[in-house]
Protein backbone atom coordinates (compact mmCIF):
# COMPACT_ATOMS: atom_id res chain seq x y z
CA VAL A 1 90.24 77.16 143.20
CA VAL A 2 93.34 76.33 145.24
CA ALA A 3 95.23 79.24 143.71
CA ALA A 4 92.32 81.57 144.45
CA ALA A 5 92.12 80.41 148.06
CA CYS A 6 95.88 80.87 148.47
CA ALA A 7 95.74 84.34 146.92
CA HIS A 8 92.77 85.28 149.12
CA THR A 9 94.50 84.10 152.28
CA ALA A 10 97.79 85.78 151.37
CA LEU A 11 96.08 89.07 150.58
CA PHE A 12 94.06 88.96 153.79
CA GLN A 13 97.12 88.16 155.91
CA PHE A 14 99.13 90.90 154.25
CA ALA A 15 96.41 93.51 154.68
CA ALA A 16 94.95 92.59 158.09
CA SER A 17 98.07 91.27 159.82
CA LEU A 18 100.89 93.33 158.35
CA ALA A 19 100.00 96.48 156.43
CA LEU A 20 97.07 97.97 158.35
CA PRO A 21 98.43 97.30 161.86
CA ALA A 22 101.83 98.72 160.91
CA VAL A 23 100.30 101.89 159.48
CA ILE A 24 97.91 102.33 162.41
CA ILE A 25 100.53 101.77 165.12
CA HIS A 26 103.03 104.03 163.34
CA SER A 27 100.42 106.79 162.99
CA VAL A 28 99.38 106.57 166.64
CA VAL A 29 102.97 106.63 167.91
CA HIS A 30 103.79 109.57 165.63
CA GLN A 31 100.75 111.54 166.80
CA VAL A 32 101.56 110.87 170.47
CA GLN A 33 105.13 112.05 169.88
CA HIS A 34 103.73 115.21 168.32
CA VAL A 35 101.47 115.81 171.33
CA LEU A 36 104.32 115.19 173.79
CA ASP A 37 106.57 117.70 171.99
CA LYS A 38 104.61 120.51 173.63
CA PRO A 39 106.46 122.50 176.31
CA ARG A 40 104.22 121.32 179.16
CA PHE A 41 105.69 117.81 178.84
CA ALA A 42 109.34 118.97 178.68
CA ASN A 43 109.97 118.24 182.37
CA ARG A 44 108.73 114.64 182.15
CA PRO A 45 111.54 112.67 180.46
CA THR A 46 110.08 109.27 181.34
CA LEU A 47 106.79 110.16 179.68
CA LEU A 48 108.63 111.51 176.64
CA ARG A 49 110.70 108.34 176.35
CA TYR A 50 108.10 105.64 177.02
CA GLY A 51 104.76 107.34 176.36
CA PRO A 52 104.56 106.84 172.59
CA SER A 53 105.60 103.19 172.84
CA ALA A 54 103.13 102.54 175.66
CA VAL A 55 100.25 104.03 173.67
CA GLY A 56 101.30 102.07 170.58
CA LEU A 57 101.35 98.83 172.56
CA SER A 58 98.02 99.65 174.20
CA ILE A 59 96.18 99.62 170.87
CA VAL A 60 97.45 96.16 169.86
CA PRO A 61 94.54 94.33 171.59
CA PHE A 62 92.09 96.32 169.46
CA LEU A 63 93.69 95.42 166.11
CA PRO A 64 91.60 92.23 165.65
CA LEU A 65 88.63 94.58 165.18
CA LEU A 66 90.10 95.26 161.73
CA ASP A 67 89.71 91.65 160.60
CA PRO A 68 85.96 91.52 159.76
CA PRO A 69 85.89 94.71 157.65
CA CYS A 70 89.13 93.74 155.94
CA GLU A 71 87.79 90.26 155.18
CA TRP A 72 84.55 91.75 153.85
CA VAL A 73 86.45 94.03 151.45
CA ILE A 74 88.70 91.22 150.23
CA ASP A 75 85.73 88.86 149.77
CA PHE A 76 83.89 91.58 147.83
CA LEU A 77 86.88 92.16 145.56
CA PHE A 78 87.43 88.45 144.96
CA ASP A 79 83.73 87.91 144.22
CA ARG A 80 83.95 90.66 141.59
CA TRP A 81 87.27 89.79 140.00
CA TRP A 82 87.33 86.00 140.45
CA PRO A 83 83.66 84.89 140.65
CA GLY A 84 84.29 81.15 141.03
CA TRP A 85 86.91 81.38 143.75
CA ARG A 86 84.70 79.92 146.51
CA SER A 87 83.72 76.71 144.72
């Protein structure tokens, strides 16, 4: 039971605190860079330099919204693969 709880916690922390936020922030910053590569933004060097980072930082407060669905998926998988892990 202790091993299952440790594995559950480690998997949740890896998924919800490391992997998903990194992928989401990277994707958002990359997409903003792609949008700012258009010629209409060429004369705004400050926006080109700081815009992607600012947008990436602005989504950080919304990342805790990932926790409940991520926890639900991990609980579902553990209930299937390790039925007695909660006892």
